[in-house]
Amino acid sequence: MDDKKSATRDRILQTAGRLFYRDGYRAVGVDTIVAESGLTKMTLYRYFPSKDELIAAYLEESNATFWRWFDQAISPPYGSARDRLVALFEAMEELVTTPACLGCPFLNAAVDFSAPDHPGRRAALAHKQALRERLTQLVQDTGAGEPQRLADHLLLLADGALMAARLFGPDNPAQGIADAAAALIDAQIPAPGV
């Protein structure tokens, strides 16, 4: 794809993504995306033959952005698996208490699309399954007694924090999520020498 086509596609995707994230997938129509992007409907449909394909592309990009954030949050200098998990929730707390955070685009898609075969619903499920697997692996690395159970608790904690950000804004009940995660983690990790 040449630079001009790539720039046009990116413009559509960024405009739609901003609107989807702020207002919801169902609330944003193609006409709104066209008006906000300053492009024509024909141009939008040239790059994205349907609104569902545009939603899927936005969620694909959101997924890649999330995993970059996730990997950065758990990267060195954190040595132990426990420290990496706590660092992840410290980063989550920082994220969900900023005005820019309007929740989770995948949870929003799960709410907007109940049909299991909708591309938005499938993308949301795939993302959350991958997150559950990554959390389980990190928890297993800590030596926790019930890794799947702890990973599920941490997933619920993260998703709850993201929904709190959506509902309450930056001054939300997720302040302190890192402490809550540390308490859950420490309750499952055997004491040294045990």
Protein backbone atom coordinates (compact mmCIF):
# COMPACT_ATOMS: atom_id res chain seq x y z
CA MET A 1 0.00 0.00 0.00
CA ASP A 2 1.50 3.36 -0.98
CA ASP A 3 1.92 6.17 1.56
CA LYS A 4 -1.19 8.11 0.48
CA LYS A 5 -3.44 5.04 0.66
CA SER A 6 -1.91 4.06 3.98
CA ALA A 7 -2.44 7.58 5.34
CA THR A 8 -6.09 7.55 4.22
CA ARG A 9 -6.70 4.14 5.77
CA ASP A 10 -5.04 5.27 9.01
CA ARG A 11 -7.13 8.46 9.04
CA ILE A 12 -10.34 6.45 8.76
CA LEU A 13 -9.21 3.96 11.38
CA GLN A 14 -8.06 6.63 13.85
CA THR A 15 -11.26 8.63 13.45
CA ALA A 16 -13.49 5.58 13.80
CA GLY A 17 -11.44 4.26 16.71
CA ARG A 18 -11.68 7.52 18.61
CA LEU A 19 -15.45 7.61 18.08
CA PHE A 20 -15.99 3.92 18.87
CA TYR A 21 -13.96 4.21 22.07
CA ARG A 22 -15.70 7.38 23.21
CA ASP A 23 -19.29 6.76 22.10
CA GLY A 24 -19.65 3.01 21.54
CA TYR A 25 -19.72 0.86 18.44
CA ARG A 26 -23.46 0.86 17.89
CA ALA A 27 -23.85 4.58 18.58
CA VAL A 28 -21.38 5.60 15.88
CA GLY A 29 -22.63 5.38 12.32
CA VAL A 30 -20.71 5.46 9.08
CA ASP A 31 -22.06 8.96 8.37
CA THR A 32 -20.50 10.25 11.59
CA ILE A 33 -17.15 8.65 10.76
CA VAL A 34 -17.24 10.15 7.27
CA ALA A 35 -18.12 13.62 8.61
CA GLU A 36 -15.43 13.50 11.31
CA SER A 37 -12.73 12.20 8.97
CA GLY A 38 -13.52 14.66 6.20
CA LEU A 39 -13.59 11.84 3.65
CA THR A 40 -16.37 10.47 1.47
CA LYS A 41 -18.44 7.39 2.15
CA MET A 42 -17.06 5.85 -1.04
CA THR A 43 -13.53 6.32 0.27
CA LEU A 44 -14.39 4.70 3.59
CA TYR A 45 -15.99 1.71 1.87
CA ARG A 46 -13.00 1.36 -0.46
CA TYR A 47 -10.82 0.61 2.58
CA PHE A 48 -13.44 -1.01 4.81
CA PRO A 49 -16.30 -2.69 2.89
CA SER A 50 -18.49 -2.71 6.01
CA LYS A 51 -18.72 -1.14 9.42
CA ASP A 52 -18.07 -4.58 10.94
CA GLU A 53 -14.77 -4.79 9.05
CA LEU A 54 -13.85 -1.35 10.35
CA ILE A 55 -14.68 -2.45 13.90
CA ALA A 56 -12.58 -5.60 13.46
CA ALA A 57 -9.63 -3.52 12.16
CA TYR A 58 -9.93 -1.12 15.10
CA LEU A 59 -9.97 -4.01 17.57
CA GLU A 60 -6.98 -5.62 15.85
CA GLU A 61 -5.05 -2.37 16.24
CA SER A 62 -6.24 -2.02 19.85
CA ASN A 63 -5.06 -5.55 20.55
CA ALA A 64 -1.56 -4.79 19.23
CA THR A 65 -1.44 -1.56 21.25
CA PHE A 66 -2.54 -3.39 24.40
CA TRP A 67 0.15 -6.06 24.10
CA ARG A 68 2.86 -3.43 23.62
CA TRP A 69 1.59 -1.72 26.79
CA PHE A 70 1.42 -5.05 28.64
CA ASP A 71 4.96 -6.10 27.65
CA GLN A 72 6.34 -2.71 28.62
CA ALA A 73 4.57 -2.86 31.99
CA ILE A 74 6.16 -6.20 32.92
CA SER A 75 9.58 -5.67 31.34
CA PRO A 76 12.82 -5.30 33.32
CA PRO A 77 13.94 -4.00 35.77
CA TYR A 78 11.39 -6.23 37.47
CA GLY A 79 13.16 -9.45 38.40
CA SER A 80 10.69 -11.83 39.93
CA ALA A 81 7.40 -13.00 38.45
CA ARG A 82 5.65 -11.53 41.48
CA ASP A 83 7.27 -8.15 40.86
CA ARG A 84 6.26 -8.25 37.18
CA LEU A 85 2.64 -8.96 38.11
CA VAL A 86 2.55 -6.16 40.66
CA ALA A 87 4.18 -3.82 38.12
CA LEU A 88 1.43 -4.73 35.64
CA PHE A 89 -1.23 -3.66 38.12
CA GLU A 90 0.69 -0.50 39.03
CA ALA A 91 0.63 0.36 35.32
CA MET A 92 -3.08 -0.56 35.19
CA GLU A 93 -3.79 1.75 38.13
CA GLU A 94 -1.95 4.57 36.39
CA LEU A 95 -3.88 3.92 33.18
CA VAL A 96 -7.38 3.73 34.65
CA THR A 97 -6.96 6.93 36.65
CA THR A 98 -6.17 9.10 33.62
CA PRO A 99 -8.83 11.14 31.79
CA ALA A 100 -7.87 9.44 28.52
CA CYS A 101 -8.98 6.02 29.77
CA LEU A 102 -12.57 5.27 28.79
CA GLY A 103 -12.45 1.61 29.72
CA CYS A 104 -11.63 -1.39 27.57
CA PRO A 105 -12.50 -1.47 23.86
CA PHE A 106 -12.91 -5.26 24.12
CA LEU A 107 -15.33 -5.16 27.03
CA ASN A 108 -17.21 -2.41 25.20
CA ALA A 109 -17.43 -4.69 22.14
CA ALA A 110 -18.68 -7.59 24.26
CA VAL A 111 -21.44 -5.34 25.60
CA ASP A 112 -22.42 -3.95 22.19
CA PHE A 113 -22.36 -7.27 20.31
CA SER A 114 -24.13 -10.21 21.91
CA ALA A 115 -24.13 -12.47 18.84
CA PRO A 116 -21.25 -14.94 19.22
CA ASP A 117 -20.41 -14.76 15.50
CA HIS A 118 -20.09 -10.97 15.35
CA PRO A 119 -16.49 -9.98 14.50
CA GLY A 120 -16.41 -7.55 17.43
CA ARG A 121 -17.56 -10.20 19.87
CA ARG A 122 -15.03 -12.73 18.50
CA ALA A 123 -12.20 -10.20 18.77
CA ALA A 124 -13.19 -9.37 22.35
CA LEU A 125 -13.29 -13.02 23.36
CA ALA A 126 -9.97 -13.80 21.68
CA HIS A 127 -8.32 -10.85 23.42
CA LYS A 128 -9.63 -11.80 26.86
CA GLN A 129 -8.67 -15.45 26.36
CA ALA A 130 -5.13 -14.40 25.41
CA LEU A 131 -4.95 -12.12 28.45
CA ARG A 132 -6.16 -14.93 30.69
CA GLU A 133 -3.44 -17.21 29.28
CA ARG A 134 -0.70 -14.59 29.77
CA LEU A 135 -1.83 -13.91 33.33
CA THR A 136 -1.92 -17.64 34.04
CA GLN A 137 1.65 -18.02 32.77
CA LEU A 138 2.87 -15.11 34.89
CA VAL A 139 1.09 -16.50 37.94
CA GLN A 140 2.53 -19.98 37.33
CA ASP A 141 5.99 -18.39 37.28
CA THR A 142 5.39 -17.11 40.83
CA GLY A 143 4.86 -20.62 42.17
CA ALA A 144 1.33 -19.75 43.34
CA GLY A 145 -0.66 -22.65 44.72
CA GLU A 146 -3.71 -22.23 42.44
CA PRO A 147 -2.40 -20.41 39.36
CA GLN A 148 -5.55 -20.55 37.24
CA ARG A 149 -7.74 -19.35 40.08
CA LEU A 150 -5.39 -16.47 40.90
CA ALA A 151 -5.08 -15.53 37.22
CA ASP A 152 -8.87 -15.45 36.95
CA HIS A 153 -9.11 -13.23 40.04
CA LEU A 154 -6.52 -10.87 38.57
CA LEU A 155 -8.39 -10.79 35.24
CA LEU A 156 -11.60 -9.86 37.05
CA LEU A 157 -9.73 -7.19 39.00
CA ALA A 158 -8.32 -5.68 35.79
CA ASP A 159 -11.66 -5.79 33.96
CA GLY A 160 -13.42 -4.27 36.96
CA ALA A 161 -10.90 -1.44 37.03
CA LEU A 162 -11.43 -0.77 33.34
CA MET A 163 -15.20 -0.66 33.75
CA ALA A 164 -14.80 1.63 36.78
CA ALA A 165 -12.79 4.01 34.59
CA ARG A 166 -15.58 3.98 32.01
CA LEU A 167 -18.30 4.63 34.59
CA PHE A 168 -16.67 7.01 37.03
CA GLY A 169 -13.88 8.67 35.05
CA PRO A 170 -10.37 9.15 36.44
CA ASP A 171 -11.50 9.51 40.08
CA ASN A 172 -12.76 5.95 40.30
CA PRO A 173 -12.72 3.02 42.74
CA ALA A 174 -9.79 1.44 40.88
CA GLN A 175 -7.38 3.66 42.77
CA GLY A 176 -5.49 1.13 44.85
CA ILE A 177 -5.83 -1.73 42.35
CA ALA A 178 -2.09 -2.41 42.60
CA ASP A 179 -2.39 -2.95 46.36
CA ALA A 180 -5.38 -5.26 45.83
CA ALA A 181 -3.47 -7.27 43.21
CA ALA A 182 -0.41 -7.53 45.47
CA ALA A 183 -2.57 -8.82 48.32
CA LEU A 184 -4.14 -11.47 46.07
CA ILE A 185 -0.76 -12.51 44.70
CA ASP A 186 0.97 -12.64 48.09
CA ALA A 187 -1.83 -14.74 49.55
CA GLN A 188 -1.13 -17.44 46.95
CA ILE A 189 2.68 -17.44 46.88
CA PRO A 190 4.32 -19.83 49.32
CA ALA A 191 6.56 -18.16 51.89
CA PRO A 192 10.31 -18.69 51.32
CA GLY A 193 11.53 -21.97 52.74
CA VAL A 194 8.09 -23.59 52.77
